[in-house]
Protein backbone atom coordinates (compact mmCIF):
# COMPACT_ATOMS: atom_id res chain seq x y z
CA MET A 1 -10.02 -17.76 3.61
CA GLN A 2 -9.43 -16.02 0.13
CA PHE A 3 -6.47 -14.01 -0.92
CA ILE A 4 -9.10 -11.42 -2.12
CA ASP A 5 -12.74 -11.57 -1.24
CA PHE A 6 -14.75 -9.19 -3.51
CA ASN A 7 -17.70 -9.28 -1.19
CA TYR A 8 -16.68 -5.84 -0.04
CA GLN A 9 -18.09 -4.52 -3.20
CA LYS A 10 -21.48 -6.42 -2.76
CA ASN A 11 -23.25 -3.37 -1.37
CA ILE A 12 -23.03 -1.43 -4.65
CA GLN A 13 -24.14 -4.09 -6.92
CA LYS A 14 -27.80 -3.06 -7.11
CA LYS A 15 -26.81 0.40 -7.98
CA ILE A 16 -24.36 -0.79 -10.79
CA PHE A 17 -26.98 -3.06 -12.27
CA SER A 18 -29.52 -0.23 -12.43
CA GLU A 19 -26.99 2.00 -14.19
CA LEU A 20 -26.16 -0.80 -16.69
CA LYS A 21 -29.68 -1.15 -17.69
CA SER A 22 -29.57 2.36 -19.25
CA ASN A 23 -26.54 1.37 -21.26
CA PHE A 24 -28.62 -1.39 -22.96
CA LYS A 25 -31.55 0.78 -23.50
CA LYS A 26 -29.40 3.42 -25.22
CA ASN A 27 -27.26 0.76 -27.16
CA ASP A 28 -24.25 2.57 -25.53
CA PHE A 29 -21.47 0.27 -25.39
CA ILE A 30 -18.23 1.78 -26.61
CA LEU A 31 -16.88 5.20 -25.62
CA GLY A 32 -20.36 6.16 -24.53
CA GLU A 33 -21.57 8.91 -22.10
CA LYS A 34 -20.50 7.02 -19.01
CA VAL A 35 -16.85 6.87 -20.44
CA LYS A 36 -16.82 10.58 -20.72
CA ILE A 37 -18.22 10.88 -17.21
CA PHE A 38 -15.56 8.45 -15.70
CA GLU A 39 -12.82 10.30 -17.47
CA LYS A 40 -13.88 13.62 -16.05
CA ASN A 41 -14.30 12.08 -12.59
CA PHE A 42 -11.00 10.33 -12.63
CA ALA A 43 -9.12 13.23 -14.03
CA LYS A 44 -10.42 15.35 -11.01
CA PHE A 45 -9.68 12.60 -8.58
CA SER A 46 -6.08 12.30 -9.88
CA GLU A 47 -5.77 16.14 -9.88
CA LYS A 48 -4.96 16.20 -13.49
CA LYS A 49 -6.56 18.18 -16.39
CA PHE A 50 -7.17 15.26 -18.78
CA ALA A 51 -8.12 11.61 -18.68
CA ILE A 52 -8.53 9.12 -21.44
CA GLY A 53 -10.19 5.65 -20.85
CA VAL A 54 -8.57 2.79 -22.78
CA SER A 55 -8.85 -1.06 -23.04
CA SER A 56 -6.19 -2.19 -20.39
CA GLY A 57 -3.15 -0.93 -18.30
CA THR A 58 -0.80 -2.46 -20.90
CA ASP A 59 -2.54 -0.51 -23.70
CA ALA A 60 -2.38 2.64 -21.54
CA LEU A 61 1.39 2.22 -21.30
CA PHE A 62 1.72 1.50 -25.13
CA LEU A 63 -0.44 4.55 -25.98
CA ALA A 64 1.45 6.79 -23.57
CA LEU A 65 4.65 5.81 -25.30
CA LYS A 66 3.23 6.36 -28.77
CA SER A 67 1.94 9.71 -27.93
CA LEU A 68 5.49 10.86 -27.33
CA SER A 69 6.59 10.56 -31.04
CA LEU A 70 9.61 8.51 -30.16
CA LYS A 71 12.05 7.01 -32.83
CA LYS A 72 12.50 3.26 -33.30
CA ASN A 73 14.88 1.84 -30.73
CA ASP A 74 14.90 4.99 -28.48
CA GLU A 75 15.66 3.87 -25.03
CA VAL A 76 13.11 3.39 -22.18
CA ILE A 77 14.35 2.63 -18.72
CA VAL A 78 12.14 0.39 -16.68
CA PRO A 79 12.54 -1.55 -13.30
CA ALA A 80 13.90 -5.17 -13.63
CA HIS A 81 11.39 -6.06 -10.85
CA THR A 82 7.81 -5.43 -12.04
CA PHE A 83 4.92 -7.14 -13.87
CA ILE A 84 5.84 -8.02 -17.44
CA ALA A 85 3.42 -5.54 -18.97
CA THR A 86 5.72 -2.73 -18.25
CA ALA A 87 8.37 -4.20 -20.45
CA LEU A 88 6.10 -5.53 -23.21
CA SER A 89 4.57 -2.19 -23.75
CA VAL A 90 7.98 -0.92 -24.64
CA ILE A 91 8.50 -3.89 -27.16
CA TYR A 92 5.11 -3.13 -28.64
CA ALA A 93 6.16 0.38 -29.36
CA ASN A 94 9.33 -0.76 -31.12
CA LEU A 95 11.57 1.02 -28.54
CA ARG A 96 14.55 -0.31 -26.71
CA ILE A 97 14.28 -1.54 -23.10
CA LYS A 98 16.98 -0.66 -20.55
CA LEU A 99 16.50 -2.35 -17.24
CA CYS A 100 17.33 -0.81 -13.82
CA ASP A 101 17.75 -2.78 -10.71
CA VAL A 102 15.58 -1.88 -7.66
CA ASP A 103 16.31 -0.74 -4.13
CA PRO A 104 16.36 -3.74 -1.56
CA VAL A 105 14.14 -1.72 0.97
CA THR A 106 11.52 -0.08 -1.21
CA PHE A 107 11.62 -2.79 -3.96
CA LEU A 108 11.36 0.30 -6.44
CA LEU A 109 13.44 1.77 -9.09
CA ASP A 110 16.88 2.54 -7.45
CA GLU A 111 17.57 6.18 -8.13
CA LYS A 112 21.37 5.64 -7.55
CA LYS A 113 21.60 2.90 -10.23
CA LEU A 114 19.31 4.91 -12.47
CA LYS A 115 21.61 7.81 -12.50
CA LYS A 116 24.48 5.51 -13.78
CA ILE A 117 22.63 3.93 -16.64
CA ILE A 118 21.09 7.00 -18.40
CA THR A 119 22.70 7.83 -21.76
CA LYS A 120 22.05 10.20 -24.64
CA LYS A 121 19.72 7.44 -26.16
CA THR A 122 17.47 7.59 -23.01
CA LYS A 123 14.14 9.16 -23.86
CA VAL A 124 11.74 7.83 -21.24
CA ILE A 125 11.82 6.56 -17.70
CA ILE A 126 8.98 4.43 -16.35
CA PRO A 127 8.92 4.32 -12.61
CA VAL A 128 6.38 1.71 -11.19
CA HIS A 129 4.65 2.40 -8.06
CA LEU A 130 4.87 -1.25 -7.23
CA TYR A 131 2.46 -2.81 -4.60
CA GLY A 132 1.01 0.72 -3.98
CA TYR A 133 4.22 2.22 -2.85
CA GLY A 134 5.06 5.63 -4.51
CA SER A 135 8.39 5.96 -6.39
CA ASN A 136 10.34 9.08 -5.52
CA ILE A 137 9.56 11.26 -8.60
CA ASN A 138 11.23 14.27 -7.18
CA LYS A 139 14.57 12.46 -7.12
CA ILE A 140 14.18 11.06 -10.53
CA LYS A 141 13.24 14.69 -11.90
CA LYS A 142 16.32 15.95 -10.25
CA ILE A 143 18.49 13.22 -11.97
CA ILE A 144 17.04 14.01 -15.47
CA GLU A 145 16.99 17.96 -15.05
CA GLY A 146 18.23 19.63 -18.15
CA LYS A 147 17.82 16.49 -20.23
CA LYS A 148 15.10 15.73 -22.71
CA ILE A 149 13.73 12.63 -20.94
CA LYS A 150 10.03 12.12 -20.23
CA ILE A 151 8.61 10.30 -17.19
CA ILE A 152 5.58 7.91 -17.54
CA GLU A 153 4.43 6.83 -14.11
CA ASP A 154 3.00 3.28 -13.97
CA ALA A 155 0.53 3.71 -11.22
CA SER A 156 -1.30 0.54 -11.90
CA GLN A 157 -1.15 -0.45 -8.39
CA ALA A 158 -1.44 2.92 -6.87
CA HIS A 159 -4.87 4.43 -7.48
CA GLY A 160 -5.55 7.33 -5.20
CA LEU A 161 -1.96 7.73 -4.08
CA ASN A 162 -2.24 11.54 -4.41
CA HIS A 163 -5.06 11.51 -1.73
CA PHE A 164 -2.81 9.97 0.84
CA CYS A 165 0.79 10.58 1.90
CA ASP A 166 0.79 14.13 0.40
CA TYR A 167 1.96 12.37 -2.96
CA VAL A 168 1.64 14.30 -6.23
CA PHE A 169 1.67 12.74 -9.66
CA LYS A 170 4.35 14.66 -11.35
CA GLY A 171 5.15 12.66 -14.40
CA ASP A 172 4.48 13.90 -18.05
CA ILE A 173 1.87 11.02 -18.19
CA ILE A 174 0.46 8.71 -15.59
CA ILE A 175 -1.23 5.42 -16.41
CA PHE A 176 -3.37 3.08 -14.38
CA SER A 177 -4.56 -0.53 -14.95
CA LEU A 178 -8.22 -1.20 -14.05
CA TYR A 179 -8.02 -4.87 -13.82
CA PRO A 180 -10.41 -6.27 -11.50
CA ALA A 181 -8.00 -7.00 -8.71
CA LYS A 182 -6.66 -3.50 -8.55
CA ASN A 183 -7.46 -0.89 -5.77
CA LEU A 184 -10.00 0.48 -8.42
CA GLY A 185 -10.95 -2.37 -10.74
CA ALA A 186 -13.37 -2.87 -13.55
CA ASN A 187 -15.32 -6.12 -14.02
CA GLY A 188 -13.11 -7.02 -16.92
CA ASP A 189 -9.94 -5.27 -18.62
CA ALA A 190 -9.69 -1.56 -18.67
CA GLY A 191 -7.20 1.15 -18.16
CA ILE A 192 -6.87 4.98 -17.92
CA ILE A 193 -4.29 7.62 -18.70
CA VAL A 194 -4.05 11.01 -17.15
CA THR A 195 -1.83 14.05 -18.12
CA ASN A 196 -1.81 17.83 -17.88
CA GLN A 197 -0.41 18.00 -21.41
CA LYS A 198 -3.04 18.79 -24.00
CA LYS A 199 -0.79 17.66 -26.86
CA TYR A 200 -0.49 14.15 -25.30
CA TYR A 201 -4.11 13.94 -24.51
CA SER A 202 -5.33 14.99 -27.98
CA LYS A 203 -2.98 12.43 -29.64
CA ILE A 204 -3.95 9.56 -27.46
CA LEU A 205 -7.62 10.35 -28.12
CA LEU A 206 -6.85 9.65 -31.77
CA LEU A 207 -4.49 6.59 -31.20
CA ARG A 208 -7.07 4.77 -28.92
CA ASN A 209 -9.88 4.96 -31.61
CA TRP A 210 -8.43 3.92 -35.09
CA GLY A 211 -6.78 7.41 -35.44
CA SER A 212 -10.15 8.91 -35.48
CA ILE A 213 -12.14 11.58 -33.76
CA LYS A 214 -15.01 11.62 -36.35
CA LYS A 215 -16.50 8.30 -37.58
CA TYR A 216 -14.83 7.10 -40.85
CA GLN A 217 -12.29 9.90 -40.78
CA HIS A 218 -8.82 8.76 -39.79
CA ASN A 219 -6.06 11.19 -39.26
CA LEU A 220 -3.28 8.85 -38.40
CA VAL A 221 -2.64 5.09 -37.97
CA GLY A 222 -4.43 4.27 -34.70
CA TYR A 223 -5.47 1.24 -32.71
CA ASN A 224 -8.60 -0.37 -31.18
CA MET A 225 -7.89 0.35 -27.59
CA ARG A 226 -11.17 1.90 -26.39
CA MET A 227 -12.87 1.68 -23.03
CA ASP A 228 -16.24 -0.10 -22.86
CA THR A 229 -19.07 1.94 -21.58
CA ILE A 230 -20.17 -0.91 -19.40
CA GLN A 231 -16.74 -0.83 -17.67
CA ALA A 232 -16.95 2.94 -17.18
CA THR A 233 -20.33 2.40 -15.69
CA ILE A 234 -19.05 0.09 -13.02
CA LEU A 235 -15.88 2.25 -12.37
CA ASN A 236 -17.90 5.44 -11.97
CA GLU A 237 -19.79 3.68 -9.07
CA LYS A 238 -16.63 2.11 -7.50
CA LEU A 239 -14.77 5.29 -7.71
CA LYS A 240 -17.09 6.89 -5.06
CA TYR A 241 -15.78 4.31 -2.61
CA LEU A 242 -12.14 4.22 -3.42
CA ILE A 243 -11.02 6.42 -0.62
CA LYS A 244 -12.83 4.37 1.99
CA TRP A 245 -11.49 1.25 0.54
CA THR A 246 -7.97 2.62 0.55
CA ASN A 247 -8.32 3.65 4.21
CA ASP A 248 -9.29 0.05 4.98
CA ARG A 249 -6.18 -1.15 3.14
CA ILE A 250 -3.88 1.23 5.10
CA LYS A 251 -5.56 0.18 8.41
CA ILE A 252 -5.07 -3.50 7.81
CA ALA A 253 -1.56 -2.89 6.53
CA ARG A 254 -0.65 -1.03 9.75
CA LYS A 255 -1.88 -3.96 11.84
CA TYR A 256 0.37 -6.24 9.97
CA ASN A 257 3.23 -3.78 10.18
CA GLU A 258 2.95 -3.66 13.98
CA ALA A 259 2.59 -7.38 14.34
CA PHE A 260 5.70 -8.17 12.26
CA LYS A 261 8.08 -5.49 13.10
CA LYS A 262 9.90 -7.31 16.00
CA ILE A 263 10.13 -10.53 13.98
CA LYS A 264 13.80 -10.51 12.95
CA ASN A 265 13.45 -12.86 9.88
CA ILE A 266 10.73 -10.55 8.26
CA GLU A 267 11.39 -7.39 6.24
CA VAL A 268 8.31 -5.45 5.32
CA GLN A 269 8.44 -3.29 2.22
CA SER A 270 8.49 0.31 3.32
CA LEU A 271 7.67 -0.45 7.04
CA ASN A 272 5.15 2.10 8.27
CA SER A 273 5.64 4.26 5.04
CA LYS A 274 3.37 7.16 4.69
CA ASN A 275 3.66 6.97 0.84
CA HIS A 276 1.82 3.67 0.39
CA VAL A 277 -1.89 2.66 -0.69
CA TYR A 278 -1.18 -1.11 -0.14
CA HIS A 279 -2.40 -2.76 -3.29
CA LEU A 280 -0.57 -5.61 -1.85
CA PHE A 281 1.11 -6.40 1.45
CA VAL A 282 4.47 -7.79 0.69
CA ILE A 283 7.22 -9.22 3.07
CA LYS A 284 10.64 -10.43 2.43
CA THR A 285 11.98 -13.39 4.20
CA MET A 286 14.79 -15.92 3.70
CA PHE A 287 12.30 -18.64 4.57
CA ARG A 288 9.79 -17.71 2.01
CA ASP A 289 9.05 -21.18 0.45
CA LYS A 290 8.61 -22.85 3.73
CA LEU A 291 6.44 -20.04 5.04
CA GLN A 292 4.26 -20.32 2.03
CA LYS A 293 3.89 -24.06 2.33
CA PHE A 294 3.09 -23.65 6.10
CA LEU A 295 0.43 -21.01 5.41
CA SER A 296 -0.94 -23.08 2.71
CA ASP A 297 -1.32 -26.10 5.00
CA ASN A 298 -3.29 -23.76 7.34
CA ASN A 299 -5.62 -22.67 4.47
CA ILE A 300 -3.99 -19.17 4.16
CA PRO A 301 -3.63 -18.28 0.51
CA THR A 302 -0.52 -16.40 -0.55
CA ILE A 303 0.81 -15.14 -3.89
CA ILE A 304 4.35 -14.26 -5.04
CA HIS A 305 4.39 -10.98 -6.96
CA TYR A 306 6.52 -11.75 -8.91
CA PRO A 307 8.37 -15.14 -9.14
CA LYS A 308 10.79 -13.97 -11.91
CA ALA A 309 12.49 -10.55 -12.64
CA ILE A 310 11.96 -9.17 -16.13
CA HIS A 311 15.30 -10.39 -17.50
CA GLN A 312 14.60 -13.94 -16.37
CA HIS A 313 11.47 -14.59 -18.67
CA LYS A 314 11.99 -16.90 -21.42
CA ALA A 315 10.00 -14.61 -23.65
CA PHE A 316 12.90 -12.30 -23.75
CA THR A 317 15.62 -14.81 -24.77
CA LYS A 318 16.53 -12.82 -27.90
CA TYR A 319 16.89 -9.47 -26.02
CA SER A 320 20.25 -8.08 -24.95
CA PHE A 321 19.14 -7.87 -21.18
CA TYR A 322 18.11 -11.49 -21.04
CA ASN A 323 19.92 -13.19 -18.00
CA LYS A 324 22.19 -10.23 -17.32
CA LYS A 325 22.75 -9.53 -13.77
CA PHE A 326 20.40 -7.48 -11.67
CA VAL A 327 21.31 -8.68 -8.18
CA THR A 328 18.58 -7.06 -5.92
CA SER A 329 15.79 -8.04 -8.36
CA GLU A 330 17.01 -11.65 -8.65
CA PHE A 331 17.28 -11.76 -4.72
CA LEU A 332 13.80 -10.25 -4.17
CA VAL A 333 11.97 -12.69 -6.41
CA LYS A 334 13.23 -15.55 -4.39
CA LYS A 335 12.32 -13.95 -1.01
CA ILE A 336 9.00 -12.01 -1.29
CA ILE A 337 5.50 -13.21 -0.55
CA SER A 338 2.19 -11.38 -0.53
CA LEU A 339 -0.20 -11.93 2.38
CA PRO A 340 -4.07 -11.54 2.08
CA LEU A 341 -5.19 -7.95 2.21
CA TYR A 342 -8.44 -6.48 0.87
CA PRO A 343 -11.00 -3.80 2.01
CA GLY A 344 -13.37 -5.34 4.54
CA MET A 345 -11.12 -8.20 5.54
CA LYS A 346 -12.45 -9.62 8.75
CA LEU A 347 -10.41 -8.99 11.87
CA LYS A 348 -10.59 -12.68 12.85
CA HIS A 349 -9.03 -13.65 9.36
CA GLN A 350 -6.18 -11.21 9.70
CA ASN A 351 -5.58 -12.28 13.22
CA PHE A 352 -5.40 -15.78 12.08
CA VAL A 353 -2.83 -14.87 9.33
CA ILE A 354 -0.81 -12.97 11.98
CA LYS A 355 -1.00 -15.95 14.50
CA LYS A 356 0.15 -18.49 11.91
CA VAL A 357 3.01 -16.23 10.68
CA LYS A 358 4.30 -15.78 14.13
CA GLN A 359 3.77 -19.36 14.91
CA PHE A 360 5.99 -20.25 11.85
CA PHE A 361 8.84 -17.96 12.89
CA ASN A 362 8.72 -18.96 16.51
CA SER A 363 9.27 -22.57 15.47
CA LEU A 364 12.51 -21.89 13.60
């Protein structure tokens, strides 16, 4: 058994290979025709006016921040429990990170704690739709009402959330990683940014391409953060299947939810939530390490997303938030574990995971 089996994408390989041949014939490799098509398609899919294809999700966050014309050390609030890229993008942009603890049930930015840490220096909040579960942007917008604070939604694990659960992306800018393992993944690194604001769109177009719209004419200091045409070609084809694949994820997650809801030693992130596209299926248990070993012994792969909270990483030793207390995040990283879940997962494989998880807890 694999944690992710990419064979569910096998049926579209011939079509992708055929499309890639045209790229080679045209020598069309960077910001080519297929990039523009993908941007148009993804903007429509995300129900936004504009989309900009870039080189990775991290670069998407960085460019989103740079488009806001912030001053050095302006304050950006990010969750203490997330992948490190969210925090690193703030550092790359020469801005000041302020961490906010997360909610113990949703594992997402805790709005009550957020309200208490906002100051006059706060200019941006980056809620992360972690594991595919949508943050409550309406609550966040209410908290910052009347303040000059922007919202960048990190939807790197929540592609297509707006097509399920009646969710609407309401941030000023929304970014997505297109890393291969994501719900919508390239065959390499890529990312995309969507927005309804033309001023952000226009600036990011410049920033991603050396500060240039016309070749050899540079209007500002930009970066080399462009999307490859090859990745756009692959993503265009995969996008056609994203709703189907997401329905598969939700179906598998519901089966897990039903199987585990009566096990007292398991807590499921957002049990039966209607606001989730299940990039990952994450459970919380006091017996996490023993469970992981037991499942491994039975050839069931699991991953911990993530084994350290942001403030616990050695990389941040010199930063003021290093080793400060974020109680929920610290607790979660010791207790969470991700179980196998991917489109096309065979029923016998999921049943085996469920059987072994139940066996473990029945033996306690």
